[in-house]
Amino acid sequence: MTTSVRISAVIPVYRSQAMLPELHRRLVAALEAIGEPFEIILVEDCGGDDSWSVIESLSSADPRVIGLRLARNYGQHNALLCGIRAARGELIVTLDDDLQNPPEEIHRLLARLNEGYDVIYGSPQAETHGFLRDQASRVTKLALKGAMGVESASKVSAFRIFRTRLREAFAAYRSPSVNIDVLLTWGTTRFGSVQVRQDERAMGDSGYTLKKLINHAVNMMTGFSVLPLQIASMLGIAFGSMGFLVLLYVLLRYLIEGSPVPGFPFLASIIAMFSGVQLFALGIFGEYLARMHFRSMERPPYALMSSTRERTDSESDHGKHG
């Protein structure tokens, strides 16, 4: 890590070529106002548009901009991990590429961080998504709270600042399933939040659909928590107890009336319930086994296709010797 950079701004880029120039302008203005040396790391997640060409242009015009291009689409958190590992600053700020996280609010996160925290989230004063998306986001945060094990999980957002040294706690992490917020808990318990403004998306649609949010919540629970296994165990105990009560009922009826309990539909429904619970538990076990399988393959969380850093460093060295 070099001492010439104090703040590294890391932004995953996905289909946002039209917004990047404005994002760069506002981000530079906000960071220059703070008065600390900075760099801007734009990680292009292969969205299929012309974002990489825009990033290359920004990097050529501003040496503080570093462009990283992934080999294929890996997802927001995987792209973040790539940018975080490439950061050279003492502090890392992450924000979305759609200008919903106002760069002008970064100074508030920094001021809160200096109160003795390691991670500060910019919690939006009000959600600006649709109703279903907001509800799915709340469910995701509940899942994240279980995976993180900290109260501040309810304040989690993509707008965050943290100390770069925390990445040492997950330096060897190589699983394809990535959640930055959970990984940060491996390095600290000092989380905080501050309310910030959240703007409307400048243009286009969010890449996070309702289906993706649900999948994200499932991935968090099965990838970073044993809560589903605990739920399966509790269901097994509950339905096992119910089965014992049914058996007791059958025996008592037989002893009192001397005949077996009539009612095939009743027995069939009980069998169906138990079969359903067993299949549910097997499905959960299967999820965990699949994750163990993928982790044993040592599949990386991302692969880098190209970077503008080498060119920027080369130009810098040429300038020094010219």
C-alpha atoms as a PDB file:
ATOM      1  CA  MET A   1       0.000   0.000   0.000  1.00  0.00           C
ATOM      2  CA  THR A   2       1.432   3.424  -0.889  1.00  0.00           C
ATOM      3  CA  THR A   3       1.234   6.490   1.320  1.00  0.00           C
ATOM      4  CA  SER A   4       0.355   8.688  -1.703  1.00  0.00           C
ATOM      5  CA  VAL A   5      -3.260   7.541  -1.610  1.00  0.00           C
ATOM      6  CA  ARG A   6      -5.501   8.092   1.402  1.00  0.00           C
ATOM      7  CA  ILE A   7      -8.934   7.190  -0.003  1.00  0.00           C
ATOM      8  CA  SER A   8      -9.773   4.553  -2.618  1.00  0.00           C
ATOM      9  CA  ALA A   9     -13.241   4.819  -4.149  1.00  0.00           C
ATOM     10  CA  VAL A  10     -14.335   1.438  -5.539  1.00  0.00           C
ATOM     11  CA  ILE A  11     -17.315   1.292  -7.909  1.00  0.00           C
ATOM     12  CA  PRO A  12     -18.618  -1.854  -9.653  1.00  0.00           C
ATOM     13  CA  VAL A  13     -19.751  -0.876 -13.143  1.00  0.00           C
ATOM     14  CA  TYR A  14     -22.587  -2.646 -14.951  1.00  0.00           C
ATOM     15  CA  ARG A  15     -24.280  -1.191 -18.034  1.00  0.00           C
ATOM     16  CA  SER A  16     -23.736   2.417 -16.994  1.00  0.00           C
ATOM     17  CA  GLN A  17     -21.717   3.945 -19.825  1.00  0.00           C
ATOM     18  CA  ALA A  18     -23.967   7.014 -19.981  1.00  0.00           C
ATOM     19  CA  MET A  19     -23.634   7.751 -16.253  1.00  0.00           C
ATOM     20  CA  LEU A  20     -19.881   7.282 -15.830  1.00  0.00           C
ATOM     21  CA  PRO A  21     -18.736  10.782 -16.923  1.00  0.00           C
ATOM     22  CA  GLU A  22     -21.159  12.462 -14.509  1.00  0.00           C
ATOM     23  CA  LEU A  23     -20.256   9.996 -11.749  1.00  0.00           C
ATOM     24  CA  HIS A  24     -16.565  10.773 -12.293  1.00  0.00           C
ATOM     25  CA  ARG A  25     -17.152  14.525 -12.251  1.00  0.00           C
ATOM     26  CA  ARG A  26     -19.148  14.503  -9.023  1.00  0.00           C
ATOM     27  CA  LEU A  27     -16.884  11.963  -7.327  1.00  0.00           C
ATOM     28  CA  VAL A  28     -13.737  13.934  -8.119  1.00  0.00           C
ATOM     29  CA  ALA A  29     -15.343  17.147  -6.863  1.00  0.00           C
ATOM     30  CA  ALA A  30     -16.468  15.476  -3.612  1.00  0.00           C
ATOM     31  CA  LEU A  31     -13.087  13.840  -2.919  1.00  0.00           C
ATOM     32  CA  GLU A  32     -11.111  16.971  -3.778  1.00  0.00           C
ATOM     33  CA  ALA A  33     -13.288  18.893  -1.310  1.00  0.00           C
ATOM     34  CA  ILE A  34     -12.246  16.440   1.436  1.00  0.00           C
ATOM     35  CA  GLY A  35      -8.634  17.343   0.722  1.00  0.00           C
ATOM     36  CA  GLU A  36      -7.095  13.850   0.861  1.00  0.00           C
ATOM     37  CA  PRO A  37      -5.164  12.107  -1.959  1.00  0.00           C
ATOM     38  CA  PHE A  38      -7.454   9.603  -3.646  1.00  0.00           C
ATOM     39  CA  GLU A  39      -7.896   7.092  -6.446  1.00  0.00           C
ATOM     40  CA  ILE A  40     -11.028   5.908  -8.233  1.00  0.00           C
ATOM     41  CA  ILE A  41     -11.252   2.215  -9.121  1.00  0.00           C
ATOM     42  CA  LEU A  42     -13.917   1.329 -11.684  1.00  0.00           C
ATOM     43  CA  VAL A  43     -14.516  -2.430 -12.009  1.00  0.00           C
ATOM     44  CA  GLU A  44     -16.360  -3.258 -15.231  1.00  0.00           C
ATOM     45  CA  ASP A  45     -18.449  -6.404 -14.712  1.00  0.00           C
ATOM     46  CA  CYS A  46     -19.014  -7.261 -18.374  1.00  0.00           C
ATOM     47  CA  GLY A  47     -22.434  -5.722 -18.737  1.00  0.00           C
ATOM     48  CA  GLY A  48     -22.309  -5.924 -22.537  1.00  0.00           C
ATOM     49  CA  ASP A  49     -22.368  -2.180 -23.254  1.00  0.00           C
ATOM     50  CA  ASP A  50     -19.552   0.289 -24.008  1.00  0.00           C
ATOM     51  CA  SER A  51     -18.676   1.026 -20.366  1.00  0.00           C
ATOM     52  CA  TRP A  52     -15.090  -0.223 -20.714  1.00  0.00           C
ATOM     53  CA  SER A  53     -14.330   2.269 -23.502  1.00  0.00           C
ATOM     54  CA  VAL A  54     -15.637   5.081 -21.302  1.00  0.00           C
ATOM     55  CA  ILE A  55     -13.493   3.848 -18.395  1.00  0.00           C
ATOM     56  CA  GLU A  56     -10.405   3.769 -20.625  1.00  0.00           C
ATOM     57  CA  SER A  57     -11.114   7.351 -21.724  1.00  0.00           C
ATOM     58  CA  LEU A  58     -11.557   8.529 -18.139  1.00  0.00           C
ATOM     59  CA  SER A  59      -8.341   6.759 -17.118  1.00  0.00           C
ATOM     60  CA  SER A  60      -6.401   8.374 -19.962  1.00  0.00           C
ATOM     61  CA  ALA A  61      -7.654  11.838 -19.016  1.00  0.00           C
ATOM     62  CA  ASP A  62      -7.313  11.359 -15.234  1.00  0.00           C
ATOM     63  CA  PRO A  63      -4.444   9.195 -13.874  1.00  0.00           C
ATOM     64  CA  ARG A  64      -6.318   8.854 -10.586  1.00  0.00           C
ATOM     65  CA  VAL A  65      -8.864   6.620 -12.355  1.00  0.00           C
ATOM     66  CA  ILE A  66      -7.993   2.914 -12.466  1.00  0.00           C
ATOM     67  CA  GLY A  67     -10.051   0.648 -14.686  1.00  0.00           C
ATOM     68  CA  LEU A  68     -10.361  -3.101 -14.084  1.00  0.00           C
ATOM     69  CA  ARG A  69     -12.269  -5.319 -16.498  1.00  0.00           C
ATOM     70  CA  LEU A  70     -13.486  -8.756 -15.421  1.00  0.00           C
ATOM     71  CA  ALA A  71     -13.365 -11.716 -17.782  1.00  0.00           C
ATOM     72  CA  ARG A  72     -17.116 -12.242 -17.543  1.00  0.00           C
ATOM     73  CA  ASN A  73     -20.082 -11.150 -15.442  1.00  0.00           C
ATOM     74  CA  TYR A  74     -19.481 -12.279 -11.861  1.00  0.00           C
ATOM     75  CA  GLY A  75     -21.857 -10.063  -9.861  1.00  0.00           C
ATOM     76  CA  GLN A  76     -21.668  -6.881  -7.821  1.00  0.00           C
ATOM     77  CA  HIS A  77     -19.965  -8.264  -4.712  1.00  0.00           C
ATOM     78  CA  ASN A  78     -17.384 -10.223  -6.725  1.00  0.00           C
ATOM     79  CA  ALA A  79     -16.532  -7.048  -8.638  1.00  0.00           C
ATOM     80  CA  LEU A  80     -16.267  -5.197  -5.330  1.00  0.00           C
ATOM     81  CA  LEU A  81     -13.870  -7.809  -3.983  1.00  0.00           C
ATOM     82  CA  CYS A  82     -11.680  -7.344  -7.047  1.00  0.00           C
ATOM     83  CA  GLY A  83     -11.599  -3.573  -6.547  1.00  0.00           C
ATOM     84  CA  ILE A  84     -11.011  -3.839  -2.803  1.00  0.00           C
ATOM     85  CA  ARG A  85      -7.988  -6.086  -3.328  1.00  0.00           C
ATOM     86  CA  ALA A  86      -6.586  -3.617  -5.864  1.00  0.00           C
ATOM     87  CA  ALA A  87      -7.086  -0.553  -3.635  1.00  0.00           C
ATOM     88  CA  ARG A  88      -3.967   1.285  -2.421  1.00  0.00           C
ATOM     89  CA  GLY A  89      -5.577   3.748  -0.032  1.00  0.00           C
ATOM     90  CA  GLU A  90      -5.833   3.548   3.746  1.00  0.00           C
ATOM     91  CA  LEU A  91      -9.620   3.859   3.502  1.00  0.00           C
ATOM     92  CA  ILE A  92     -12.009   2.346   0.976  1.00  0.00           C
ATOM     93  CA  VAL A  93     -15.308   3.905  -0.070  1.00  0.00           C
ATOM     94  CA  THR A  94     -17.747   1.807  -2.096  1.00  0.00           C
ATOM     95  CA  LEU A  95     -20.783   3.134  -3.945  1.00  0.00           C
ATOM     96  CA  ASP A  96     -23.051   2.198  -6.817  1.00  0.00           C
ATOM     97  CA  ASP A  97     -22.576   3.420 -10.373  1.00  0.00           C
ATOM     98  CA  ASP A  98     -26.129   4.726 -10.803  1.00  0.00           C
ATOM     99  CA  LEU A  99     -25.686   7.964  -8.769  1.00  0.00           C
ATOM    100  CA  GLN A 100     -28.239   6.873  -6.176  1.00  0.00           C
ATOM    101  CA  ASN A 101     -25.408   7.131  -3.625  1.00  0.00           C
ATOM    102  CA  PRO A 102     -24.490  10.846  -3.775  1.00  0.00           C
ATOM    103  CA  PRO A 103     -20.684  11.291  -3.739  1.00  0.00           C
ATOM    104  CA  GLU A 104     -21.280  14.575  -1.906  1.00  0.00           C
ATOM    105  CA  GLU A 105     -22.247  12.533   1.196  1.00  0.00           C
ATOM    106  CA  ILE A 106     -18.880  10.749   1.474  1.00  0.00           C
ATOM    107  CA  HIS A 107     -17.578  13.355   3.940  1.00  0.00           C
ATOM    108  CA  ARG A 108     -20.351  12.367   6.362  1.00  0.00           C
ATOM    109  CA  LEU A 109     -19.309   8.724   6.279  1.00  0.00           C
ATOM    110  CA  LEU A 110     -15.675   9.754   6.827  1.00  0.00           C
ATOM    111  CA  ALA A 111     -16.557  11.967   9.802  1.00  0.00           C
ATOM    112  CA  ARG A 112     -18.503   9.118  11.409  1.00  0.00           C
ATOM    113  CA  LEU A 113     -15.657   6.660  10.765  1.00  0.00           C
ATOM    114  CA  ASN A 114     -13.258   8.944  12.621  1.00  0.00           C
ATOM    115  CA  GLU A 115     -15.353   8.518  15.770  1.00  0.00           C
ATOM    116  CA  GLY A 116     -13.677   5.142  16.355  1.00  0.00           C
ATOM    117  CA  TYR A 117     -15.412   2.770  13.933  1.00  0.00           C
ATOM    118  CA  ASP A 118     -13.952   0.435  11.341  1.00  0.00           C
ATOM    119  CA  VAL A 119     -16.985   0.287   9.012  1.00  0.00           C
ATOM    120  CA  ILE A 120     -19.645   2.927   8.402  1.00  0.00           C
ATOM    121  CA  TYR A 121     -22.729   2.440   6.203  1.00  0.00           C
ATOM    122  CA  GLY A 122     -24.587   5.253   4.525  1.00  0.00           C
ATOM    123  CA  SER A 123     -28.126   4.292   5.431  1.00  0.00           C
ATOM    124  CA  PRO A 124     -30.702   5.900   3.097  1.00  0.00           C
ATOM    125  CA  GLN A 125     -33.280   8.130   4.734  1.00  0.00           C
ATOM    126  CA  ALA A 126     -35.939   6.554   2.519  1.00  0.00           C
ATOM    127  CA  GLU A 127     -35.905   3.735  -0.008  1.00  0.00           C
ATOM    128  CA  THR A 128     -36.485   4.892  -3.568  1.00  0.00           C
ATOM    129  CA  HIS A 129     -37.381   1.545  -5.166  1.00  0.00           C
ATOM    130  CA  GLY A 130     -40.767   0.028  -5.850  1.00  0.00           C
ATOM    131  CA  PHE A 131     -42.847  -1.686  -3.143  1.00  0.00           C
ATOM    132  CA  LEU A 132     -41.894  -5.281  -4.030  1.00  0.00           C
ATOM    133  CA  ARG A 133     -38.230  -4.349  -4.403  1.00  0.00           C
ATOM    134  CA  ASP A 134     -38.272  -2.602  -1.008  1.00  0.00           C
ATOM    135  CA  GLN A 135     -39.839  -5.634   0.673  1.00  0.00           C
ATOM    136  CA  ALA A 136     -37.313  -7.971  -0.951  1.00  0.00           C
ATOM    137  CA  SER A 137     -34.531  -5.655   0.229  1.00  0.00           C
ATOM    138  CA  ARG A 138     -35.842  -5.883   3.807  1.00  0.00           C
ATOM    139  CA  VAL A 139     -35.903  -9.693   3.614  1.00  0.00           C
ATOM    140  CA  THR A 140     -32.339  -9.646   2.292  1.00  0.00           C
ATOM    141  CA  LYS A 141     -31.230  -7.469   5.196  1.00  0.00           C
ATOM    142  CA  LEU A 142     -32.840  -9.888   7.661  1.00  0.00           C
ATOM    143  CA  ALA A 143     -30.895 -12.732   6.048  1.00  0.00           C
ATOM    144  CA  LEU A 144     -27.772 -10.600   6.175  1.00  0.00           C
ATOM    145  CA  LYS A 145     -28.334  -9.881   9.852  1.00  0.00           C
ATOM    146  CA  GLY A 146     -28.338 -13.616  10.547  1.00  0.00           C
ATOM    147  CA  ALA A 147     -25.198 -14.132   8.482  1.00  0.00           C
ATOM    148  CA  MET A 148     -23.312 -11.137   9.923  1.00  0.00           C
ATOM    149  CA  GLY A 149     -24.425 -11.584  13.512  1.00  0.00           C
ATOM    150  CA  VAL A 150     -24.405  -7.827  14.197  1.00  0.00           C
ATOM    151  CA  GLU A 151     -27.221  -5.369  14.843  1.00  0.00           C
ATOM    152  CA  SER A 152     -25.981  -2.893  12.230  1.00  0.00           C
ATOM    153  CA  ALA A 153     -26.942  -5.351   9.472  1.00  0.00           C
ATOM    154  CA  SER A 154     -30.316  -3.613   9.193  1.00  0.00           C
ATOM    155  CA  LYS A 155     -28.432  -0.452   8.116  1.00  0.00           C
ATOM    156  CA  VAL A 156     -26.341  -2.164   5.445  1.00  0.00           C
ATOM    157  CA  SER A 157     -26.133  -0.493   2.048  1.00  0.00           C
ATOM    158  CA  ALA A 158     -23.817  -0.424  -0.957  1.00  0.00           C
ATOM    159  CA  PHE A 159     -22.646   3.003   0.231  1.00  0.00           C
ATOM    160  CA  ARG A 160     -19.956   2.230   2.831  1.00  0.00           C
ATOM    161  CA  ILE A 161     -16.521   3.249   4.038  1.00  0.00           C
ATOM    162  CA  PHE A 162     -14.080   1.033   5.907  1.00  0.00           C
ATOM    163  CA  ARG A 163     -10.423   0.709   6.812  1.00  0.00           C
ATOM    164  CA  THR A 164      -8.412  -1.115   4.177  1.00  0.00           C
ATOM    165  CA  ARG A 165      -6.600  -3.254   6.756  1.00  0.00           C
ATOM    166  CA  LEU A 166      -9.837  -5.240   7.244  1.00  0.00           C
ATOM    167  CA  ARG A 167      -9.263  -7.011   3.933  1.00  0.00           C
ATOM    168  CA  GLU A 168      -6.432  -8.964   5.538  1.00  0.00           C
ATOM    169  CA  ALA A 169      -9.097 -11.011   7.349  1.00  0.00           C
ATOM    170  CA  PHE A 170     -10.378 -12.380   4.025  1.00  0.00           C
ATOM    171  CA  ALA A 171      -7.180 -12.191   1.947  1.00  0.00           C
ATOM    172  CA  ALA A 172      -7.261 -15.958   1.297  1.00  0.00           C
ATOM    173  CA  TYR A 173     -10.993 -16.120   0.494  1.00  0.00           C
ATOM    174  CA  ARG A 174     -11.576 -17.829  -2.871  1.00  0.00           C
ATOM    175  CA  SER A 175     -15.190 -19.011  -2.893  1.00  0.00           C
ATOM    176  CA  PRO A 176     -17.318 -17.919  -5.897  1.00  0.00           C
ATOM    177  CA  SER A 177     -20.074 -16.825  -3.469  1.00  0.00           C
ATOM    178  CA  VAL A 178     -19.091 -13.405  -2.138  1.00  0.00           C
ATOM    179  CA  ASN A 179     -20.740 -11.013   0.280  1.00  0.00           C
ATOM    180  CA  ILE A 180     -18.544  -8.080   1.256  1.00  0.00           C
ATOM    181  CA  ASP A 181     -20.574  -7.195   4.339  1.00  0.00           C
ATOM    182  CA  VAL A 182     -20.203 -10.670   5.817  1.00  0.00           C
ATOM    183  CA  LEU A 183     -16.487 -10.743   4.977  1.00  0.00           C
ATOM    184  CA  LEU A 184     -15.999  -7.441   6.809  1.00  0.00           C
ATOM    185  CA  THR A 185     -17.303  -9.045  10.009  1.00  0.00           C
ATOM    186  CA  TRP A 186     -14.319 -11.406   9.857  1.00  0.00           C
ATOM    187  CA  GLY A 187     -12.076  -8.429  10.607  1.00  0.00           C
ATOM    188  CA  THR A 188     -14.051  -6.266  13.041  1.00  0.00           C
ATOM    189  CA  THR A 189     -17.173  -5.809  15.139  1.00  0.00           C
ATOM    190  CA  ARG A 190     -17.018  -2.014  15.145  1.00  0.00           C
ATOM    191  CA  PHE A 191     -19.794  -1.159  12.722  1.00  0.00           C
ATOM    192  CA  GLY A 192     -21.760   2.053  12.559  1.00  0.00           C
ATOM    193  CA  SER A 193     -24.064   3.964  10.237  1.00  0.00           C
ATOM    194  CA  VAL A 194     -25.134   7.462   9.325  1.00  0.00           C
ATOM    195  CA  GLN A 195     -28.232   8.582   7.479  1.00  0.00           C
ATOM    196  CA  VAL A 196     -27.560   9.916   3.995  1.00  0.00           C
ATOM    197  CA  ARG A 197     -29.559  11.133   1.054  1.00  0.00           C
ATOM    198  CA  GLN A 198     -30.453   8.619  -1.641  1.00  0.00           C
ATOM    199  CA  ASP A 199     -31.250  10.001  -5.058  1.00  0.00           C
ATOM    200  CA  GLU A 200     -33.328   8.538  -7.845  1.00  0.00           C
ATOM    201  CA  ARG A 201     -31.469   6.427 -10.375  1.00  0.00           C
ATOM    202  CA  ALA A 202     -30.167   8.796 -13.054  1.00  0.00           C
ATOM    203  CA  MET A 203     -31.199   6.553 -15.973  1.00  0.00           C
ATOM    204  CA  GLY A 204     -31.815   2.931 -16.898  1.00  0.00           C
ATOM    205  CA  ASP A 205     -33.061   0.134 -14.678  1.00  0.00           C
ATOM    206  CA  SER A 206     -31.425  -1.538 -11.714  1.00  0.00           C
ATOM    207  CA  GLY A 207     -29.643  -4.831 -12.329  1.00  0.00           C
ATOM    208  CA  TYR A 208     -31.074  -6.126  -9.051  1.00  0.00           C
ATOM    209  CA  THR A 209     -34.444  -7.639  -9.872  1.00  0.00           C
ATOM    210  CA  LEU A 210     -36.775  -9.204  -7.301  1.00  0.00           C
ATOM    211  CA  LYS A 211     -35.594 -12.663  -8.337  1.00  0.00           C
ATOM    212  CA  LYS A 212     -31.916 -11.697  -7.961  1.00  0.00           C
ATOM    213  CA  LEU A 213     -32.537 -10.253  -4.497  1.00  0.00           C
ATOM    214  CA  ILE A 214     -34.231 -13.477  -3.382  1.00  0.00           C
ATOM    215  CA  ASN A 215     -31.360 -15.536  -4.796  1.00  0.00           C
ATOM    216  CA  HIS A 216     -28.929 -13.211  -3.038  1.00  0.00           C
ATOM    217  CA  ALA A 217     -30.687 -13.781   0.293  1.00  0.00           C
ATOM    218  CA  VAL A 218     -30.611 -17.570  -0.208  1.00  0.00           C
ATOM    219  CA  ASN A 219     -26.935 -17.452  -1.127  1.00  0.00           C
ATOM    220  CA  MET A 220     -26.160 -15.461   1.999  1.00  0.00           C
ATOM    221  CA  MET A 221     -28.011 -17.852   4.283  1.00  0.00           C
ATOM    222  CA  THR A 222     -26.503 -21.009   2.812  1.00  0.00           C
ATOM    223  CA  GLY A 223     -23.073 -19.563   2.061  1.00  0.00           C
ATOM    224  CA  PHE A 224     -22.319 -17.698   5.286  1.00  0.00           C
ATOM    225  CA  SER A 225     -24.698 -19.047   7.928  1.00  0.00           C
ATOM    226  CA  VAL A 226     -25.845 -22.335   9.463  1.00  0.00           C
ATOM    227  CA  LEU A 227     -29.326 -20.918  10.096  1.00  0.00           C
ATOM    228  CA  PRO A 228     -31.018 -23.093   7.412  1.00  0.00           C
ATOM    229  CA  LEU A 229     -29.521 -26.211   8.990  1.00  0.00           C
ATOM    230  CA  GLN A 230     -30.799 -25.098  12.377  1.00  0.00           C
ATOM    231  CA  ILE A 231     -34.257 -24.509  10.886  1.00  0.00           C
ATOM    232  CA  ALA A 232     -34.188 -27.999   9.336  1.00  0.00           C
ATOM    233  CA  SER A 233     -33.243 -29.472  12.722  1.00  0.00           C
ATOM    234  CA  MET A 234     -36.044 -27.597  14.492  1.00  0.00           C
ATOM    235  CA  LEU A 235     -38.573 -28.727  11.880  1.00  0.00           C
ATOM    236  CA  GLY A 236     -37.367 -32.292  12.308  1.00  0.00           C
ATOM    237  CA  ILE A 237     -37.857 -32.079  16.073  1.00  0.00           C
ATOM    238  CA  ALA A 238     -41.264 -30.425  15.720  1.00  0.00           C
ATOM    239  CA  PHE A 239     -42.652 -32.924  13.207  1.00  0.00           C
ATOM    240  CA  GLY A 240     -41.018 -35.824  15.040  1.00  0.00           C
ATOM    241  CA  SER A 241     -42.887 -34.742  18.163  1.00  0.00           C
ATOM    242  CA  MET A 242     -46.096 -34.483  16.147  1.00  0.00           C
ATOM    243  CA  GLY A 243     -45.565 -38.001  14.839  1.00  0.00           C
ATOM    244  CA  PHE A 244     -45.065 -39.292  18.361  1.00  0.00           C
ATOM    245  CA  LEU A 245     -48.329 -37.642  19.447  1.00  0.00           C
ATOM    246  CA  VAL A 246     -50.151 -39.236  16.494  1.00  0.00           C
ATOM    247  CA  LEU A 247     -48.718 -42.635  17.439  1.00  0.00           C
ATOM    248  CA  LEU A 248     -49.813 -42.131  21.052  1.00  0.00           C
ATOM    249  CA  TYR A 249     -53.294 -41.204  19.853  1.00  0.00           C
ATOM    250  CA  VAL A 250     -53.493 -44.376  17.708  1.00  0.00           C
ATOM    251  CA  LEU A 251     -52.392 -46.608  20.602  1.00  0.00           C
ATOM    252  CA  LEU A 252     -54.834 -45.019  23.047  1.00  0.00           C
ATOM    253  CA  ARG A 253     -57.741 -45.434  20.604  1.00  0.00           C
ATOM    254  CA  TYR A 254     -56.752 -49.058  20.081  1.00  0.00           C
ATOM    255  CA  LEU A 255     -56.589 -49.746  23.856  1.00  0.00           C
ATOM    256  CA  ILE A 256     -59.881 -47.976  24.572  1.00  0.00           C
ATOM    257  CA  GLU A 257     -61.989 -49.051  21.587  1.00  0.00           C
ATOM    258  CA  GLY A 258     -60.114 -52.210  20.597  1.00  0.00           C
ATOM    259  CA  SER A 259     -59.963 -51.252  16.927  1.00  0.00           C
ATOM    260  CA  PRO A 260     -57.492 -49.372  14.799  1.00  0.00           C
ATOM    261  CA  VAL A 261     -58.110 -45.712  14.042  1.00  0.00           C
ATOM    262  CA  PRO A 262     -60.145 -45.343  10.828  1.00  0.00           C
ATOM    263  CA  GLY A 263     -59.360 -42.604   8.382  1.00  0.00           C
ATOM    264  CA  PHE A 264     -56.949 -43.210   5.564  1.00  0.00           C
ATOM    265  CA  PRO A 265     -56.948 -39.496   4.484  1.00  0.00           C
ATOM    266  CA  PHE A 266     -55.735 -38.524   7.967  1.00  0.00           C
ATOM    267  CA  LEU A 267     -52.816 -40.948   7.824  1.00  0.00           C
ATOM    268  CA  ALA A 268     -52.015 -40.025   4.240  1.00  0.00           C
ATOM    269  CA  SER A 269     -51.813 -36.335   5.130  1.00  0.00           C
ATOM    270  CA  ILE A 270     -49.483 -37.069   8.050  1.00  0.00           C
ATOM    271  CA  ILE A 271     -47.221 -39.129   5.777  1.00  0.00           C
ATOM    272  CA  ALA A 272     -47.247 -36.358   3.165  1.00  0.00           C
ATOM    273  CA  MET A 273     -46.261 -33.766   5.785  1.00  0.00           C
ATOM    274  CA  PHE A 274     -43.332 -35.836   7.012  1.00  0.00           C
ATOM    275  CA  SER A 275     -42.202 -36.571   3.470  1.00  0.00           C
ATOM    276  CA  GLY A 276     -42.298 -32.867   2.637  1.00  0.00           C
ATOM    277  CA  VAL A 277     -40.187 -31.954   5.668  1.00  0.00           C
ATOM    278  CA  GLN A 278     -37.665 -34.654   4.814  1.00  0.00           C
ATOM    279  CA  LEU A 279     -37.341 -33.399   1.237  1.00  0.00           C
ATOM    280  CA  PHE A 280     -36.996 -29.826   2.511  1.00  0.00           C
ATOM    281  CA  ALA A 281     -34.179 -30.860   4.839  1.00  0.00           C
ATOM    282  CA  LEU A 282     -32.494 -32.846   2.062  1.00  0.00           C
ATOM    283  CA  GLY A 283     -32.684 -29.787  -0.186  1.00  0.00           C
ATOM    284  CA  ILE A 284     -30.898 -27.682   2.433  1.00  0.00           C
ATOM    285  CA  PHE A 285     -28.227 -30.334   2.885  1.00  0.00           C
ATOM    286  CA  GLY A 286     -27.857 -30.407  -0.900  1.00  0.00           C
ATOM    287  CA  GLU A 287     -27.258 -26.639  -0.990  1.00  0.00           C
ATOM    288  CA  TYR A 288     -24.446 -26.946   1.533  1.00  0.00           C
ATOM    289  CA  LEU A 289     -22.929 -29.940  -0.248  1.00  0.00           C
ATOM    290  CA  ALA A 290     -23.004 -28.039  -3.542  1.00  0.00           C
ATOM    291  CA  ARG A 291     -21.166 -25.129  -1.959  1.00  0.00           C
ATOM    292  CA  MET A 292     -18.577 -27.476  -0.493  1.00  0.00           C
ATOM    293  CA  HIS A 293     -18.183 -29.021  -3.949  1.00  0.00           C
ATOM    294  CA  PHE A 294     -17.629 -25.649  -5.651  1.00  0.00           C
ATOM    295  CA  ARG A 295     -15.220 -24.550  -2.934  1.00  0.00           C
ATOM    296  CA  SER A 296     -13.233 -27.794  -3.282  1.00  0.00           C
ATOM    297  CA  MET A 297     -12.833 -26.960  -6.986  1.00  0.00           C
ATOM    298  CA  GLU A 298     -11.121 -23.698  -5.921  1.00  0.00           C
ATOM    299  CA  ARG A 299     -13.166 -21.768  -8.428  1.00  0.00           C
ATOM    300  CA  PRO A 300     -12.052 -18.108  -8.103  1.00  0.00           C
ATOM    301  CA  PRO A 301     -14.540 -15.352  -7.211  1.00  0.00           C
ATOM    302  CA  TYR A 302     -13.448 -13.388 -10.306  1.00  0.00           C
ATOM    303  CA  ALA A 303     -10.893 -13.337 -13.127  1.00  0.00           C
ATOM    304  CA  LEU A 304      -9.352 -10.150 -14.485  1.00  0.00           C
ATOM    305  CA  MET A 305      -9.265  -9.601 -18.245  1.00  0.00           C
ATOM    306  CA  SER A 306      -7.493  -6.239 -18.449  1.00  0.00           C
ATOM    307  CA  SER A 307      -6.473  -3.228 -16.380  1.00  0.00           C
ATOM    308  CA  THR A 308      -5.536   0.382 -17.053  1.00  0.00           C
ATOM    309  CA  ARG A 309      -3.257   0.475 -13.990  1.00  0.00           C
ATOM    310  CA  GLU A 310      -0.216  -0.872 -15.853  1.00  0.00           C
ATOM    311  CA  ARG A 311      -0.577   1.795 -18.511  1.00  0.00           C
ATOM    312  CA  THR A 312      -1.089   4.533 -15.898  1.00  0.00           C
ATOM    313  CA  ASP A 313       1.944   3.443 -13.883  1.00  0.00           C
ATOM    314  CA  SER A 314       4.032   3.208 -17.070  1.00  0.00           C
ATOM    315  CA  GLU A 315       3.057   6.715 -18.121  1.00  0.00           C
ATOM    316  CA  SER A 316       3.839   7.970 -14.620  1.00  0.00           C
ATOM    317  CA  ASP A 317       7.294   6.388 -14.684  1.00  0.00           C
ATOM    318  CA  HIS A 318       7.914   7.805 -18.175  1.00  0.00           C
ATOM    319  CA  GLY A 319       7.011  11.263 -16.907  1.00  0.00           C
ATOM    320  CA  LYS A 320       9.481  10.967 -14.052  1.00  0.00           C
ATOM    321  CA  HIS A 321      12.369  10.002 -16.358  1.00  0.00           C
ATOM    322  CA  GLY A 322      11.423  12.211 -19.265  1.00  0.00           C
END
